[in-house]
N, C-alpha and C. Protein backbone atom coordinates (compact mmCIF):
# COMPACT_ATOMS: atom_id res chain seq x y z
N UNK A 1 0.80 -1.03 -0.20
CA UNK A 1 0.00 0.21 0.26
C UNK A 1 0.74 1.60 0.26
N UNK A 2 0.64 2.51 -0.94
CA UNK A 2 2.01 3.06 -1.00
C UNK A 2 1.25 4.25 0.09
N UNK A 3 1.80 5.10 0.58
CA UNK A 3 1.67 5.96 1.43
C UNK A 3 0.52 6.61 1.54
N UNK A 4 0.29 7.31 -0.06
CA UNK A 4 -1.02 8.35 -0.24
C UNK A 4 -2.30 7.11 0.13
N UNK A 5 -2.21 5.93 -0.37
CA UNK A 5 -3.44 5.04 0.01
C UNK A 5 -3.66 4.95 1.28
N UNK A 6 -2.57 5.09 2.33
CA UNK A 6 -2.76 4.44 3.54
C UNK A 6 -3.23 5.98 4.00
N UNK A 7 -2.91 7.12 3.60
CA UNK A 7 -3.06 8.05 4.29
C UNK A 7 -4.88 8.22 3.99
N UNK A 8 -5.37 7.76 2.73
CA UNK A 8 -6.83 7.89 2.48
C UNK A 8 -7.47 6.93 3.28
N UNK A 9 -7.07 5.87 3.57
CA UNK A 9 -7.83 4.91 4.28
C UNK A 9 -7.71 5.23 5.79
N UNK A 10 -6.73 5.91 6.12
CA UNK A 10 -6.89 6.21 7.66
C UNK A 10 -7.99 7.31 7.92
N UNK A 11 -8.09 8.02 6.83
CA UNK A 11 -8.96 9.44 6.90
C UNK A 11 -10.47 8.70 6.79
N UNK A 12 -10.51 7.95 5.80
CA UNK A 12 -12.01 7.30 5.66
C UNK A 12 -12.34 6.59 6.92
N UNK A 13 -10.90 5.83 8.04
CA UNK A 13 -11.71 5.26 9.01
C UNK A 13 -12.14 5.91 9.86
N UNK A 14 -11.57 7.34 10.07
CA UNK A 14 -12.01 8.21 11.09
C UNK A 14 -12.90 9.19 10.86
N UNK A 15 -13.58 8.92 9.30
CA UNK A 15 -14.18 10.20 8.78
C UNK A 15 -15.88 10.24 9.56
N UNK A 16 -16.20 9.35 10.27
CA UNK A 16 -17.46 9.28 11.25
C UNK A 16 -17.74 10.55 11.92
N UNK A 17 -16.47 10.87 12.45
CA UNK A 17 -16.42 11.65 13.63
C UNK A 17 -16.16 13.23 13.30
N UNK A 18 -16.13 13.26 11.63
CA UNK A 18 -16.34 14.37 11.07
C UNK A 18 -14.71 15.07 10.29
N UNK A 19 -15.08 15.76 9.13
CA UNK A 19 -14.03 16.14 8.31
C UNK A 19 -12.64 16.14 8.98
N UNK A 20 -12.80 17.79 9.86
CA UNK A 20 -11.25 18.12 10.00
C UNK A 20 -10.81 17.22 11.22
N UNK A 21 -11.70 16.84 12.19
CA UNK A 21 -11.44 15.98 13.11
C UNK A 21 -10.84 14.68 12.71
N UNK A 22 -11.28 13.95 11.63
CA UNK A 22 -10.77 12.55 10.94
C UNK A 22 -9.31 12.83 10.85
N UNK A 23 -8.96 14.36 10.16
CA UNK A 23 -7.45 14.07 9.51
C UNK A 23 -6.69 14.37 10.86
N UNK A 24 -6.99 15.16 11.97
CA UNK A 24 -6.54 15.48 13.25
C UNK A 24 -6.34 13.89 13.87
N UNK A 25 -7.24 12.91 13.99
CA UNK A 25 -6.98 11.69 14.38
C UNK A 25 -6.00 10.92 13.63
N UNK A 26 -6.22 10.76 12.31
CA UNK A 26 -5.22 10.05 11.66
C UNK A 26 -3.71 10.69 11.71
N UNK A 27 -3.37 11.81 12.19
CA UNK A 27 -2.08 12.42 12.25
C UNK A 27 -1.62 11.98 13.59
N UNK A 28 -2.58 11.93 14.65
CA UNK A 28 -2.50 11.69 15.99
C UNK A 28 -1.98 9.72 15.72
N UNK A 29 -2.49 9.13 14.95
CA UNK A 29 -2.11 8.07 15.15
C UNK A 29 -0.97 7.42 14.16
N UNK A 30 -0.59 8.34 13.29
CA UNK A 30 0.62 8.10 12.55
C UNK A 30 1.59 8.64 13.76
N UNK A 31 1.57 9.58 14.47
CA UNK A 31 2.56 10.21 15.21
C UNK A 31 2.75 8.80 16.40
N UNK A 32 1.86 8.32 16.75
CA UNK A 32 1.86 7.43 17.51
C UNK A 32 2.59 6.17 17.46
N UNK A 33 2.32 5.93 16.02
CA UNK A 33 3.43 5.09 15.45
C UNK A 33 4.78 5.36 15.47
N UNK A 34 4.92 6.61 14.69
CA UNK A 34 6.17 6.89 15.00
C UNK A 34 6.89 7.12 16.14
N UNK A 35 6.40 7.38 17.16
CA UNK A 35 6.92 7.57 18.48
C UNK A 35 6.84 6.54 19.14
N UNK A 36 6.15 5.28 18.91
CA UNK A 36 6.17 4.18 19.90
C UNK A 36 7.34 3.18 19.49
N UNK A 37 7.49 2.20 20.19
CA UNK A 37 8.38 1.35 20.11
C UNK A 37 8.05 0.01 19.63
N UNK A 38 7.89 0.48 18.06
CA UNK A 38 7.34 -0.72 17.27
C UNK A 38 8.75 -1.23 16.94
N UNK A 39 9.82 -0.74 16.42
CA UNK A 39 10.99 -1.00 16.31
C UNK A 39 11.34 -2.42 17.06
N UNK A 40 11.17 -2.29 18.07
CA UNK A 40 11.56 -3.25 19.02
C UNK A 40 10.70 -4.39 18.88
N UNK A 41 9.36 -4.41 18.58
CA UNK A 41 8.66 -5.31 18.28
C UNK A 41 8.18 -6.20 17.01
N UNK A 42 9.03 -5.65 16.04
CA UNK A 42 8.55 -5.98 14.75
C UNK A 42 8.86 -7.53 14.47
N UNK A 43 7.97 -7.90 13.90
CA UNK A 43 8.29 -9.68 13.43
C UNK A 43 8.56 -9.85 12.46
N UNK A 44 7.45 -10.20 11.61
CA UNK A 44 7.45 -10.32 9.87
C UNK A 44 7.85 -9.04 9.18
N UNK A 45 7.18 -8.04 9.65
CA UNK A 45 7.78 -6.68 9.01
C UNK A 45 9.45 -6.44 8.90
N UNK A 46 10.01 -7.09 9.68
CA UNK A 46 11.63 -6.97 9.61
C UNK A 46 12.21 -7.57 8.74
N UNK A 47 11.41 -8.66 8.06
CA UNK A 47 12.08 -9.35 6.71
C UNK A 47 11.94 -8.50 5.74
N UNK A 48 10.81 -7.56 5.70
CA UNK A 48 10.49 -7.15 4.26
C UNK A 48 11.36 -5.34 4.46
N UNK A 49 11.12 -4.88 5.31
CA UNK A 49 11.44 -3.43 5.57
C UNK A 49 12.64 -3.32 6.79
N UNK A 50 13.49 -2.32 6.32
CA UNK A 50 14.24 -1.68 7.87
C UNK A 50 13.55 -0.89 8.32
N UNK A 51 13.79 -0.45 9.80
CA UNK A 51 13.24 0.56 10.75
C UNK A 51 13.32 1.74 9.77
N UNK A 52 14.73 1.91 9.55
CA UNK A 52 14.42 3.43 8.58
C UNK A 52 13.57 3.27 7.58
N UNK A 53 13.01 2.33 6.82
CA UNK A 53 12.47 1.96 5.62
C UNK A 53 10.83 2.50 6.23
N UNK A 54 10.40 1.91 7.39
CA UNK A 54 9.27 2.10 7.97
C UNK A 54 9.34 3.32 8.12
N UNK A 55 10.36 4.09 8.93
CA UNK A 55 10.16 5.57 9.53
C UNK A 55 9.41 6.16 8.42
N UNK A 56 10.56 5.99 7.03
CA UNK A 56 10.35 7.02 6.00
C UNK A 56 8.76 6.68 5.54
N UNK A 57 8.16 5.60 5.69
CA UNK A 57 6.75 5.15 4.93
C UNK A 57 6.16 6.02 5.67
N UNK A 58 5.86 5.74 7.31
CA UNK A 58 5.24 6.57 8.14
C UNK A 58 5.09 8.08 7.95
N UNK A 59 6.75 8.50 7.84
CA UNK A 59 6.37 9.94 7.45
C UNK A 59 5.93 10.65 6.37
N UNK A 60 6.05 9.46 5.38
CA UNK A 60 5.34 9.91 3.63
C UNK A 60 3.60 9.87 3.89
N UNK A 61 3.39 8.56 4.87
CA UNK A 61 1.86 8.84 5.10
C UNK A 61 1.35 10.07 5.52
N UNK A 62 2.04 10.35 6.78
CA UNK A 62 1.78 11.63 7.36
C UNK A 62 1.75 13.09 6.57
N UNK A 63 2.81 12.88 5.37
CA UNK A 63 2.69 14.22 4.60
C UNK A 63 1.58 13.97 3.69
N UNK A 64 1.00 12.68 3.08
CA UNK A 64 -0.44 12.81 2.58
C UNK A 64 -1.39 13.33 3.02
N UNK A 65 -1.58 12.86 4.31
CA UNK A 65 -2.53 13.17 5.16
C UNK A 65 -2.65 14.47 4.88
N UNK A 66 -1.56 15.12 5.45
CA UNK A 66 -1.72 16.75 5.50
C UNK A 66 -1.87 17.61 4.17
N UNK A 67 -1.84 16.59 3.04
CA UNK A 67 -2.25 17.23 2.04
C UNK A 67 -3.99 17.19 1.76
N UNK A 68 -4.34 16.45 2.35
CA UNK A 68 -5.77 15.84 2.09
C UNK A 68 -6.66 17.14 2.88
């Protein structure tokens, strides 16, 4: 899934609470992922991506959300 597709999916999932609020919730969700300890708890994703690539992916998702 591209960062843009993930951004759109997150917005759709939060849309029931309102257009502006859903964007804020999606950004909060991405920030939580970026600030979490996920790098130490990855399993199958470690085989596909490096932690740096995952950080870059979520940063791109965040940028796409901000564009919406």
